[in-house]
């Protein structure tokens, strides 16, 4: 019998490294990994061309793609989590001192409005600092992965020329949401953002999900149990990583490793829980923000988002 080879893209990180090295092997199929240096390009290729059988994908990209009829379905394997208080940057020399100062101003957003980091960062501005998101004009540096998506009226493209950070330094933008800028002149708008993130974790159990795994619907229709087999493979790889975190056995930990280790210390629990039910609250919270930010028209039942064979799986 020929074992199916599934064309797969996922960035190598602690919780899936064992799949890349072969320390963990799937049951009944094999991953044929393709390395895509800029991971978001893989998301776009999957959304627009179904180029992979199994793909890592940003959570909000998946929700928007699914709402527009994408032919893939998620497995509740949540590869990337984190805090987004540190994703909002401003020029300390400007008159922007506080998140409320963003109201009535223009704020840059790296790439598209539906980028998951942007959704969570805007949620922080709204819920923790009382920012009226409708009073901000959001200026995008790129387009959306889901070409059919149409943003609300207060979302506009950036004019050609220059960068978002240049425009913050020039005063055209009050701030920018995205990865850390190259310019040392820009600083996080929220002071001590790492501590702010862990405060949100302790006080309101905020622990955002960024990425999950999707599988082409055609394959799931042919082999409904495939989603559970994919979940199982990623779950076994993740457990090896969490065991190493607990045992202090990671020799040269990355910033991400250190964050997950601190989450483990704060909560006493697995910092990367997989499964629909253990993550129901945070998933429903993300959907609520997506509706509030006019990214989705309505919240969607989790059972509609995840492959049926994985509904009761937990790892």
C-alpha atoms as a PDB file:
ATOM      1  CA  UNK A   1       0.000   0.000   0.000  1.00  0.00           C
ATOM      2  CA  UNK A   2       1.317   3.434  -0.952  1.00  0.00           C
ATOM      3  CA  UNK A   3       1.265   5.837   2.019  1.00  0.00           C
ATOM      4  CA  UNK A   4      -0.293   9.184   0.990  1.00  0.00           C
ATOM      5  CA  UNK A   5       2.112  12.126   0.917  1.00  0.00           C
ATOM      6  CA  UNK A   6       0.466  15.393   1.976  1.00  0.00           C
ATOM      7  CA  UNK A   7       2.024  18.594   0.712  1.00  0.00           C
ATOM      8  CA  UNK A   8       2.376  20.601   3.914  1.00  0.00           C
ATOM      9  CA  UNK A   9       3.600  24.023   4.975  1.00  0.00           C
ATOM     10  CA  UNK A  10       4.252  25.054   8.570  1.00  0.00           C
ATOM     11  CA  UNK A  11       7.024  27.117  10.081  1.00  0.00           C
ATOM     12  CA  UNK A  12       9.476  25.112  12.172  1.00  0.00           C
ATOM     13  CA  UNK A  13       8.985  25.928  15.842  1.00  0.00           C
ATOM     14  CA  UNK A  14       9.266  24.083  19.128  1.00  0.00           C
ATOM     15  CA  UNK A  15       5.832  22.498  19.099  1.00  0.00           C
ATOM     16  CA  UNK A  16       6.118  20.995  15.608  1.00  0.00           C
ATOM     17  CA  UNK A  17       9.875  20.507  15.300  1.00  0.00           C
ATOM     18  CA  UNK A  18       9.567  16.776  16.002  1.00  0.00           C
ATOM     19  CA  UNK A  19       7.483  16.393  12.828  1.00  0.00           C
ATOM     20  CA  UNK A  20      10.219  18.052  10.782  1.00  0.00           C
ATOM     21  CA  UNK A  21      13.003  15.933  12.292  1.00  0.00           C
ATOM     22  CA  UNK A  22      11.037  12.686  12.057  1.00  0.00           C
ATOM     23  CA  UNK A  23      11.039  12.114  15.813  1.00  0.00           C
ATOM     24  CA  UNK A  24       7.252  11.956  15.471  1.00  0.00           C
ATOM     25  CA  UNK A  25       5.662  10.372  12.396  1.00  0.00           C
ATOM     26  CA  UNK A  26       1.991  10.521  11.381  1.00  0.00           C
ATOM     27  CA  UNK A  27      -0.144   7.412  11.282  1.00  0.00           C
ATOM     28  CA  UNK A  28      -1.468   6.449   7.841  1.00  0.00           C
ATOM     29  CA  UNK A  29       0.154   9.243   5.826  1.00  0.00           C
ATOM     30  CA  UNK A  30       3.306  11.315   5.532  1.00  0.00           C
ATOM     31  CA  UNK A  31       3.898  15.068   5.573  1.00  0.00           C
ATOM     32  CA  UNK A  32       5.793  16.342   2.550  1.00  0.00           C
ATOM     33  CA  UNK A  33       7.028  19.615   3.990  1.00  0.00           C
ATOM     34  CA  UNK A  34       7.617  22.647   1.812  1.00  0.00           C
ATOM     35  CA  UNK A  35       9.556  25.531   3.322  1.00  0.00           C
ATOM     36  CA  UNK A  36       8.132  28.977   2.539  1.00  0.00           C
ATOM     37  CA  UNK A  37      10.525  31.607   3.971  1.00  0.00           C
ATOM     38  CA  UNK A  38       7.803  34.253   4.403  1.00  0.00           C
ATOM     39  CA  UNK A  39       5.000  32.273   5.993  1.00  0.00           C
ATOM     40  CA  UNK A  40       2.239  34.766   5.175  1.00  0.00           C
ATOM     41  CA  UNK A  41       2.903  34.082   1.492  1.00  0.00           C
ATOM     42  CA  UNK A  42       1.932  30.461   2.131  1.00  0.00           C
ATOM     43  CA  UNK A  43      -1.337  31.645   3.699  1.00  0.00           C
ATOM     44  CA  UNK A  44      -2.107  33.635   0.560  1.00  0.00           C
ATOM     45  CA  UNK A  45      -1.204  30.744  -1.731  1.00  0.00           C
ATOM     46  CA  UNK A  46      -3.514  28.449   0.231  1.00  0.00           C
ATOM     47  CA  UNK A  47      -6.389  30.930   0.327  1.00  0.00           C
ATOM     48  CA  UNK A  48      -6.178  31.867  -3.335  1.00  0.00           C
ATOM     49  CA  UNK A  49      -4.933  28.677  -4.947  1.00  0.00           C
ATOM     50  CA  UNK A  50      -5.354  25.727  -2.531  1.00  0.00           C
ATOM     51  CA  UNK A  51      -1.681  24.990  -3.172  1.00  0.00           C
ATOM     52  CA  UNK A  52      -1.172  22.762  -0.112  1.00  0.00           C
ATOM     53  CA  UNK A  53      -2.928  19.760   1.367  1.00  0.00           C
ATOM     54  CA  UNK A  54      -2.189  20.864   4.936  1.00  0.00           C
ATOM     55  CA  UNK A  55      -1.278  24.424   5.859  1.00  0.00           C
ATOM     56  CA  UNK A  56      -0.581  26.571   8.859  1.00  0.00           C
ATOM     57  CA  UNK A  57      -2.807  29.651   8.684  1.00  0.00           C
ATOM     58  CA  UNK A  58      -3.548  32.805  10.662  1.00  0.00           C
ATOM     59  CA  UNK A  59      -6.800  32.453  12.590  1.00  0.00           C
ATOM     60  CA  UNK A  60      -8.616  35.504  11.228  1.00  0.00           C
ATOM     61  CA  UNK A  61      -7.471  34.729   7.691  1.00  0.00           C
ATOM     62  CA  UNK A  62      -9.134  31.350   8.111  1.00  0.00           C
ATOM     63  CA  UNK A  63     -12.371  32.852   9.441  1.00  0.00           C
ATOM     64  CA  UNK A  64     -12.591  35.312   6.546  1.00  0.00           C
ATOM     65  CA  UNK A  65     -11.667  32.684   3.959  1.00  0.00           C
ATOM     66  CA  UNK A  66     -14.260  30.269   5.350  1.00  0.00           C
ATOM     67  CA  UNK A  67     -16.909  33.009   5.255  1.00  0.00           C
ATOM     68  CA  UNK A  68     -16.129  33.459   1.560  1.00  0.00           C
ATOM     69  CA  UNK A  69     -16.423  29.779   0.689  1.00  0.00           C
ATOM     70  CA  UNK A  70     -12.832  28.527   0.961  1.00  0.00           C
ATOM     71  CA  UNK A  71     -12.523  24.786   0.396  1.00  0.00           C
ATOM     72  CA  UNK A  72     -10.514  23.906   3.477  1.00  0.00           C
ATOM     73  CA  UNK A  73     -11.401  23.228   7.108  1.00  0.00           C
ATOM     74  CA  UNK A  74      -9.504  23.761  10.333  1.00  0.00           C
ATOM     75  CA  UNK A  75      -8.078  21.257  12.777  1.00  0.00           C
ATOM     76  CA  UNK A  76      -7.929  22.649  16.367  1.00  0.00           C
ATOM     77  CA  UNK A  77      -4.140  22.629  16.481  1.00  0.00           C
ATOM     78  CA  UNK A  78      -3.146  26.114  17.651  1.00  0.00           C
ATOM     79  CA  UNK A  79       0.500  26.487  16.732  1.00  0.00           C
ATOM     80  CA  UNK A  80       1.079  30.122  17.673  1.00  0.00           C
ATOM     81  CA  UNK A  81      -0.196  32.137  20.629  1.00  0.00           C
ATOM     82  CA  UNK A  82       0.953  35.349  22.193  1.00  0.00           C
ATOM     83  CA  UNK A  83       0.164  38.808  23.483  1.00  0.00           C
ATOM     84  CA  UNK A  84      -0.318  41.890  21.327  1.00  0.00           C
ATOM     85  CA  UNK A  85       0.097  44.826  23.677  1.00  0.00           C
ATOM     86  CA  UNK A  86       3.540  45.349  22.142  1.00  0.00           C
ATOM     87  CA  UNK A  87       2.311  45.474  18.527  1.00  0.00           C
ATOM     88  CA  UNK A  88       1.302  49.175  18.621  1.00  0.00           C
ATOM     89  CA  UNK A  89       4.174  51.609  17.984  1.00  0.00           C
ATOM     90  CA  UNK A  90       4.331  55.407  18.109  1.00  0.00           C
ATOM     91  CA  UNK A  91       6.876  58.206  18.022  1.00  0.00           C
ATOM     92  CA  UNK A  92       7.539  59.262  21.638  1.00  0.00           C
ATOM     93  CA  UNK A  93       8.491  62.734  20.338  1.00  0.00           C
ATOM     94  CA  UNK A  94       4.950  63.236  18.968  1.00  0.00           C
ATOM     95  CA  UNK A  95       1.829  64.350  20.842  1.00  0.00           C
ATOM     96  CA  UNK A  96       0.532  60.757  20.993  1.00  0.00           C
ATOM     97  CA  UNK A  97       0.980  59.782  24.619  1.00  0.00           C
ATOM     98  CA  UNK A  98      -1.956  57.508  25.344  1.00  0.00           C
ATOM     99  CA  UNK A  99      -4.075  55.045  23.321  1.00  0.00           C
ATOM    100  CA  UNK A 100      -7.070  57.427  23.533  1.00  0.00           C
ATOM    101  CA  UNK A 101      -4.960  59.920  21.575  1.00  0.00           C
ATOM    102  CA  UNK A 102      -5.459  57.684  18.526  1.00  0.00           C
ATOM    103  CA  UNK A 103      -9.100  58.698  18.206  1.00  0.00           C
ATOM    104  CA  UNK A 104      -9.653  61.082  15.315  1.00  0.00           C
ATOM    105  CA  UNK A 105      -6.261  60.123  13.864  1.00  0.00           C
ATOM    106  CA  UNK A 106      -4.837  57.810  11.207  1.00  0.00           C
ATOM    107  CA  UNK A 107      -3.138  54.591  12.339  1.00  0.00           C
ATOM    108  CA  UNK A 108      -1.120  52.339  10.067  1.00  0.00           C
ATOM    109  CA  UNK A 109      -1.700  48.592   9.872  1.00  0.00           C
ATOM    110  CA  UNK A 110       0.973  46.288   8.506  1.00  0.00           C
ATOM    111  CA  UNK A 111      -0.468  44.473   5.470  1.00  0.00           C
ATOM    112  CA  UNK A 112      -4.246  43.928   5.704  1.00  0.00           C
ATOM    113  CA  UNK A 113      -7.044  44.915   8.057  1.00  0.00           C
ATOM    114  CA  UNK A 114      -7.884  41.258   8.759  1.00  0.00           C
ATOM    115  CA  UNK A 115      -4.364  40.362   9.952  1.00  0.00           C
ATOM    116  CA  UNK A 116      -4.844  38.499  13.247  1.00  0.00           C
ATOM    117  CA  UNK A 117      -2.318  40.569  15.196  1.00  0.00           C
ATOM    118  CA  UNK A 118      -4.197  43.696  14.172  1.00  0.00           C
ATOM    119  CA  UNK A 119      -7.512  42.267  15.341  1.00  0.00           C
ATOM    120  CA  UNK A 120      -6.129  41.385  18.765  1.00  0.00           C
ATOM    121  CA  UNK A 121      -4.230  44.689  19.096  1.00  0.00           C
ATOM    122  CA  UNK A 122      -7.358  46.719  18.273  1.00  0.00           C
ATOM    123  CA  UNK A 123      -9.269  44.605  20.802  1.00  0.00           C
ATOM    124  CA  UNK A 124      -6.709  45.582  23.473  1.00  0.00           C
ATOM    125  CA  UNK A 125      -7.110  49.255  22.546  1.00  0.00           C
ATOM    126  CA  UNK A 126     -10.886  48.980  22.805  1.00  0.00           C
ATOM    127  CA  UNK A 127     -11.266  46.788  25.889  1.00  0.00           C
ATOM    128  CA  UNK A 128      -8.379  47.926  28.067  1.00  0.00           C
ATOM    129  CA  UNK A 129      -8.038  51.577  27.028  1.00  0.00           C
ATOM    130  CA  UNK A 130     -11.531  52.531  25.885  1.00  0.00           C
ATOM    131  CA  UNK A 131     -10.532  53.502  22.338  1.00  0.00           C
ATOM    132  CA  UNK A 132     -13.485  53.949  19.981  1.00  0.00           C
ATOM    133  CA  UNK A 133     -12.183  52.024  16.982  1.00  0.00           C
ATOM    134  CA  UNK A 134     -14.714  53.678  14.683  1.00  0.00           C
ATOM    135  CA  UNK A 135     -13.063  57.050  15.394  1.00  0.00           C
ATOM    136  CA  UNK A 136      -9.750  55.847  13.938  1.00  0.00           C
ATOM    137  CA  UNK A 137      -8.876  55.701  10.234  1.00  0.00           C
ATOM    138  CA  UNK A 138      -6.919  52.496   9.636  1.00  0.00           C
ATOM    139  CA  UNK A 139      -4.308  52.827   6.878  1.00  0.00           C
ATOM    140  CA  UNK A 140      -3.172  49.559   5.246  1.00  0.00           C
ATOM    141  CA  UNK A 141       0.248  48.893   3.745  1.00  0.00           C
ATOM    142  CA  UNK A 142      -0.986  45.897   1.728  1.00  0.00           C
ATOM    143  CA  UNK A 143      -4.067  44.044   0.560  1.00  0.00           C
ATOM    144  CA  UNK A 144      -6.057  41.159   2.008  1.00  0.00           C
ATOM    145  CA  UNK A 145      -5.330  37.472   1.491  1.00  0.00           C
ATOM    146  CA  UNK A 146      -9.042  36.971   0.802  1.00  0.00           C
ATOM    147  CA  UNK A 147      -9.519  39.141  -2.286  1.00  0.00           C
ATOM    148  CA  UNK A 148     -13.326  39.143  -1.967  1.00  0.00           C
ATOM    149  CA  UNK A 149     -13.281  40.764   1.483  1.00  0.00           C
ATOM    150  CA  UNK A 150     -14.385  44.404   1.632  1.00  0.00           C
ATOM    151  CA  UNK A 151     -13.323  46.438   4.696  1.00  0.00           C
ATOM    152  CA  UNK A 152     -15.415  49.092   6.462  1.00  0.00           C
ATOM    153  CA  UNK A 153     -15.344  52.718   5.331  1.00  0.00           C
ATOM    154  CA  UNK A 154     -12.755  53.817   7.911  1.00  0.00           C
ATOM    155  CA  UNK A 155     -10.161  51.457   6.406  1.00  0.00           C
ATOM    156  CA  UNK A 156      -8.124  52.921   3.546  1.00  0.00           C
ATOM    157  CA  UNK A 157      -5.010  51.962   1.555  1.00  0.00           C
ATOM    158  CA  UNK A 158      -1.742  53.786   2.109  1.00  0.00           C
ATOM    159  CA  UNK A 159      -0.721  56.151  -0.674  1.00  0.00           C
ATOM    160  CA  UNK A 160       2.213  54.890  -2.780  1.00  0.00           C
ATOM    161  CA  UNK A 161       5.741  55.649  -1.617  1.00  0.00           C
ATOM    162  CA  UNK A 162       7.413  55.437   1.765  1.00  0.00           C
ATOM    163  CA  UNK A 163       6.706  53.074   4.629  1.00  0.00           C
ATOM    164  CA  UNK A 164       4.319  53.038   7.550  1.00  0.00           C
ATOM    165  CA  UNK A 165       7.078  53.860  10.014  1.00  0.00           C
ATOM    166  CA  UNK A 166       8.271  56.783   7.853  1.00  0.00           C
ATOM    167  CA  UNK A 167       4.733  58.123   7.973  1.00  0.00           C
ATOM    168  CA  UNK A 168       4.587  57.798  11.755  1.00  0.00           C
ATOM    169  CA  UNK A 169       7.868  59.684  12.071  1.00  0.00           C
ATOM    170  CA  UNK A 170       6.597  62.285   9.587  1.00  0.00           C
ATOM    171  CA  UNK A 171       3.383  62.829  11.543  1.00  0.00           C
ATOM    172  CA  UNK A 172       0.950  61.521   8.905  1.00  0.00           C
ATOM    173  CA  UNK A 173       0.178  58.493  11.086  1.00  0.00           C
ATOM    174  CA  UNK A 174      -0.310  58.577  14.843  1.00  0.00           C
ATOM    175  CA  UNK A 175       0.914  54.995  15.268  1.00  0.00           C
ATOM    176  CA  UNK A 176       1.384  51.708  13.476  1.00  0.00           C
ATOM    177  CA  UNK A 177       0.237  48.176  14.317  1.00  0.00           C
ATOM    178  CA  UNK A 178       2.513  45.366  13.229  1.00  0.00           C
ATOM    179  CA  UNK A 179       5.918  43.785  13.812  1.00  0.00           C
ATOM    180  CA  UNK A 180       8.655  45.746  15.549  1.00  0.00           C
ATOM    181  CA  UNK A 181       9.745  48.583  13.219  1.00  0.00           C
ATOM    182  CA  UNK A 182      13.320  48.879  12.016  1.00  0.00           C
ATOM    183  CA  UNK A 183      13.565  52.462  13.279  1.00  0.00           C
ATOM    184  CA  UNK A 184      14.732  52.753  16.905  1.00  0.00           C
ATOM    185  CA  UNK A 185      12.861  56.056  17.067  1.00  0.00           C
ATOM    186  CA  UNK A 186       9.542  54.210  17.400  1.00  0.00           C
ATOM    187  CA  UNK A 187       8.504  52.658  20.700  1.00  0.00           C
ATOM    188  CA  UNK A 188       5.551  50.635  21.999  1.00  0.00           C
ATOM    189  CA  UNK A 189       2.581  52.869  22.810  1.00  0.00           C
ATOM    190  CA  UNK A 190       1.598  50.681  25.755  1.00  0.00           C
ATOM    191  CA  UNK A 191       4.313  50.853  28.448  1.00  0.00           C
ATOM    192  CA  UNK A 192       6.029  47.596  29.402  1.00  0.00           C
ATOM    193  CA  UNK A 193       3.889  45.603  26.957  1.00  0.00           C
ATOM    194  CA  UNK A 194       5.129  42.183  28.061  1.00  0.00           C
ATOM    195  CA  UNK A 195       3.954  42.803  31.600  1.00  0.00           C
ATOM    196  CA  UNK A 196       0.687  44.242  30.271  1.00  0.00           C
ATOM    197  CA  UNK A 197       0.127  41.011  28.361  1.00  0.00           C
ATOM    198  CA  UNK A 198       0.736  38.822  31.391  1.00  0.00           C
ATOM    199  CA  UNK A 199      -1.486  41.062  33.505  1.00  0.00           C
ATOM    200  CA  UNK A 200      -4.280  40.474  30.983  1.00  0.00           C
ATOM    201  CA  UNK A 201      -3.601  36.741  31.217  1.00  0.00           C
ATOM    202  CA  UNK A 202      -3.802  36.727  35.007  1.00  0.00           C
ATOM    203  CA  UNK A 203      -6.754  39.112  35.373  1.00  0.00           C
ATOM    204  CA  UNK A 204      -9.013  38.121  32.484  1.00  0.00           C
ATOM    205  CA  UNK A 205      -7.511  34.931  31.093  1.00  0.00           C
ATOM    206  CA  UNK A 206      -6.637  36.661  27.799  1.00  0.00           C
ATOM    207  CA  UNK A 207      -4.324  34.337  25.894  1.00  0.00           C
ATOM    208  CA  UNK A 208      -4.758  35.018  22.160  1.00  0.00           C
ATOM    209  CA  UNK A 209      -4.483  32.410  19.430  1.00  0.00           C
ATOM    210  CA  UNK A 210      -2.786  33.458  16.193  1.00  0.00           C
ATOM    211  CA  UNK A 211      -2.310  30.368  13.996  1.00  0.00           C
ATOM    212  CA  UNK A 212      -4.006  27.039  13.413  1.00  0.00           C
ATOM    213  CA  UNK A 213      -3.896  24.213  10.828  1.00  0.00           C
ATOM    214  CA  UNK A 214      -6.215  23.715   7.845  1.00  0.00           C
ATOM    215  CA  UNK A 215      -6.744  20.735   5.535  1.00  0.00           C
ATOM    216  CA  UNK A 216      -8.179  20.746   2.001  1.00  0.00           C
ATOM    217  CA  UNK A 217     -11.850  19.753   1.984  1.00  0.00           C
ATOM    218  CA  UNK A 218     -11.377  17.426  -0.976  1.00  0.00           C
ATOM    219  CA  UNK A 219      -9.071  15.252   1.114  1.00  0.00           C
ATOM    220  CA  UNK A 220     -11.416  15.323   4.115  1.00  0.00           C
ATOM    221  CA  UNK A 221     -14.316  14.242   1.924  1.00  0.00           C
ATOM    222  CA  UNK A 222     -12.274  11.304   0.638  1.00  0.00           C
ATOM    223  CA  UNK A 223     -10.926  10.383   4.087  1.00  0.00           C
ATOM    224  CA  UNK A 224     -12.981  11.936   6.936  1.00  0.00           C
ATOM    225  CA  UNK A 225     -10.654  10.497   9.577  1.00  0.00           C
ATOM    226  CA  UNK A 226      -7.679  12.414   8.140  1.00  0.00           C
ATOM    227  CA  UNK A 227      -8.343  15.489  10.282  1.00  0.00           C
ATOM    228  CA  UNK A 228      -8.076  13.394  13.456  1.00  0.00           C
ATOM    229  CA  UNK A 229      -4.841  11.821  12.192  1.00  0.00           C
ATOM    230  CA  UNK A 230      -3.377  15.277  11.495  1.00  0.00           C
ATOM    231  CA  UNK A 231      -4.420  16.432  14.974  1.00  0.00           C
ATOM    232  CA  UNK A 232      -2.819  13.350  16.531  1.00  0.00           C
ATOM    233  CA  UNK A 233       0.522  13.917  14.788  1.00  0.00           C
ATOM    234  CA  UNK A 234       0.753  17.581  15.792  1.00  0.00           C
ATOM    235  CA  UNK A 235      -0.408  16.774  19.333  1.00  0.00           C
ATOM    236  CA  UNK A 236       2.312  14.148  19.865  1.00  0.00           C
ATOM    237  CA  UNK A 237       4.958  16.556  18.586  1.00  0.00           C
ATOM    238  CA  UNK A 238       3.672  19.318  20.856  1.00  0.00           C
ATOM    239  CA  UNK A 239       3.746  17.093  23.915  1.00  0.00           C
ATOM    240  CA  UNK A 240       7.448  16.430  23.442  1.00  0.00           C
ATOM    241  CA  UNK A 241       8.038  20.189  23.348  1.00  0.00           C
ATOM    242  CA  UNK A 242       5.938  20.909  26.446  1.00  0.00           C
ATOM    243  CA  UNK A 243       7.728  18.144  28.326  1.00  0.00           C
ATOM    244  CA  UNK A 244      11.037  19.835  27.465  1.00  0.00           C
ATOM    245  CA  UNK A 245       9.660  23.213  28.594  1.00  0.00           C
ATOM    246  CA  UNK A 246       8.545  21.757  31.925  1.00  0.00           C
ATOM    247  CA  UNK A 247      11.883  20.066  32.436  1.00  0.00           C
ATOM    248  CA  UNK A 248      13.983  23.100  31.526  1.00  0.00           C
ATOM    249  CA  UNK A 249      15.551  21.013  28.776  1.00  0.00           C
ATOM    250  CA  UNK A 250      15.678  23.637  26.006  1.00  0.00           C
ATOM    251  CA  UNK A 251      19.318  24.599  25.702  1.00  0.00           C
ATOM    252  CA  UNK A 252      19.100  27.926  23.864  1.00  0.00           C
ATOM    253  CA  UNK A 253      15.515  29.087  24.338  1.00  0.00           C
ATOM    254  CA  UNK A 254      14.053  31.632  21.954  1.00  0.00           C
ATOM    255  CA  UNK A 255      11.887  34.551  23.084  1.00  0.00           C
ATOM    256  CA  UNK A 256       8.878  32.404  22.174  1.00  0.00           C
ATOM    257  CA  UNK A 257      10.136  29.497  24.275  1.00  0.00           C
ATOM    258  CA  UNK A 258      10.613  31.857  27.222  1.00  0.00           C
ATOM    259  CA  UNK A 259       7.102  33.251  26.812  1.00  0.00           C
ATOM    260  CA  UNK A 260       5.529  29.784  26.781  1.00  0.00           C
ATOM    261  CA  UNK A 261       7.589  28.800  29.809  1.00  0.00           C
ATOM    262  CA  UNK A 262       6.347  31.863  31.674  1.00  0.00           C
ATOM    263  CA  UNK A 263       2.738  31.087  30.694  1.00  0.00           C
ATOM    264  CA  UNK A 264       3.284  27.614  32.118  1.00  0.00           C
ATOM    265  CA  UNK A 265       4.615  29.135  35.356  1.00  0.00           C
ATOM    266  CA  UNK A 266       1.728  31.618  35.642  1.00  0.00           C
ATOM    267  CA  UNK A 267      -1.086  29.187  34.852  1.00  0.00           C
ATOM    268  CA  UNK A 268       0.411  25.859  35.850  1.00  0.00           C
ATOM    269  CA  UNK A 269      -1.116  24.466  32.662  1.00  0.00           C
ATOM    270  CA  UNK A 270       0.002  23.424  29.184  1.00  0.00           C
ATOM    271  CA  UNK A 271       0.862  26.711  27.407  1.00  0.00           C
ATOM    272  CA  UNK A 272      -0.260  25.295  24.048  1.00  0.00           C
ATOM    273  CA  UNK A 273      -3.591  23.526  24.611  1.00  0.00           C
ATOM    274  CA  UNK A 274      -5.026  21.934  21.471  1.00  0.00           C
ATOM    275  CA  UNK A 275      -8.679  21.077  20.951  1.00  0.00           C
ATOM    276  CA  UNK A 276     -11.922  22.931  20.390  1.00  0.00           C
ATOM    277  CA  UNK A 277     -13.347  22.844  23.919  1.00  0.00           C
ATOM    278  CA  UNK A 278     -10.280  24.013  25.885  1.00  0.00           C
ATOM    279  CA  UNK A 279     -10.105  27.021  23.565  1.00  0.00           C
ATOM    280  CA  UNK A 280     -13.791  27.773  23.134  1.00  0.00           C
ATOM    281  CA  UNK A 281     -13.729  31.005  25.172  1.00  0.00           C
ATOM    282  CA  UNK A 282     -10.782  32.587  23.357  1.00  0.00           C
ATOM    283  CA  UNK A 283     -12.056  31.508  19.933  1.00  0.00           C
ATOM    284  CA  UNK A 284     -15.485  32.973  20.621  1.00  0.00           C
ATOM    285  CA  UNK A 285     -13.845  36.151  21.916  1.00  0.00           C
ATOM    286  CA  UNK A 286     -11.844  36.510  18.695  1.00  0.00           C
ATOM    287  CA  UNK A 287     -15.020  36.062  16.645  1.00  0.00           C
ATOM    288  CA  UNK A 288     -16.770  38.710  18.733  1.00  0.00           C
ATOM    289  CA  UNK A 289     -13.964  41.162  18.009  1.00  0.00           C
ATOM    290  CA  UNK A 290     -14.012  40.240  14.319  1.00  0.00           C
ATOM    291  CA  UNK A 291     -17.730  41.044  14.188  1.00  0.00           C
ATOM    292  CA  UNK A 292     -17.257  44.285  16.170  1.00  0.00           C
ATOM    293  CA  UNK A 293     -14.473  45.318  13.774  1.00  0.00           C
ATOM    294  CA  UNK A 294     -16.682  44.453  10.771  1.00  0.00           C
ATOM    295  CA  UNK A 295     -14.441  41.664   9.567  1.00  0.00           C
ATOM    296  CA  UNK A 296     -17.166  39.028   9.929  1.00  0.00           C
ATOM    297  CA  UNK A 297     -20.878  39.645   9.476  1.00  0.00           C
ATOM    298  CA  UNK A 298     -21.791  37.227  12.265  1.00  0.00           C
ATOM    299  CA  UNK A 299     -20.118  34.877  14.732  1.00  0.00           C
ATOM    300  CA  UNK A 300     -19.856  31.281  13.578  1.00  0.00           C
ATOM    301  CA  UNK A 301     -20.441  28.141  15.646  1.00  0.00           C
ATOM    302  CA  UNK A 302     -17.142  26.435  16.376  1.00  0.00           C
ATOM    303  CA  UNK A 303     -18.605  23.163  15.166  1.00  0.00           C
ATOM    304  CA  UNK A 304     -18.857  24.720  11.703  1.00  0.00           C
ATOM    305  CA  UNK A 305     -15.212  25.737  11.721  1.00  0.00           C
ATOM    306  CA  UNK A 306     -13.476  22.522  12.761  1.00  0.00           C
ATOM    307  CA  UNK A 307     -13.469  19.104  11.118  1.00  0.00           C
ATOM    308  CA  UNK A 308     -16.109  16.881  12.715  1.00  0.00           C
ATOM    309  CA  UNK A 309     -13.699  14.089  13.605  1.00  0.00           C
ATOM    310  CA  UNK A 310     -11.738  16.513  15.823  1.00  0.00           C
ATOM    311  CA  UNK A 311     -14.614  18.026  17.824  1.00  0.00           C
ATOM    312  CA  UNK A 312     -13.912  16.051  20.988  1.00  0.00           C
ATOM    313  CA  UNK A 313     -10.134  15.756  20.630  1.00  0.00           C
ATOM    314  CA  UNK A 314      -7.979  17.432  23.295  1.00  0.00           C
ATOM    315  CA  UNK A 315      -4.221  17.485  23.739  1.00  0.00           C
END
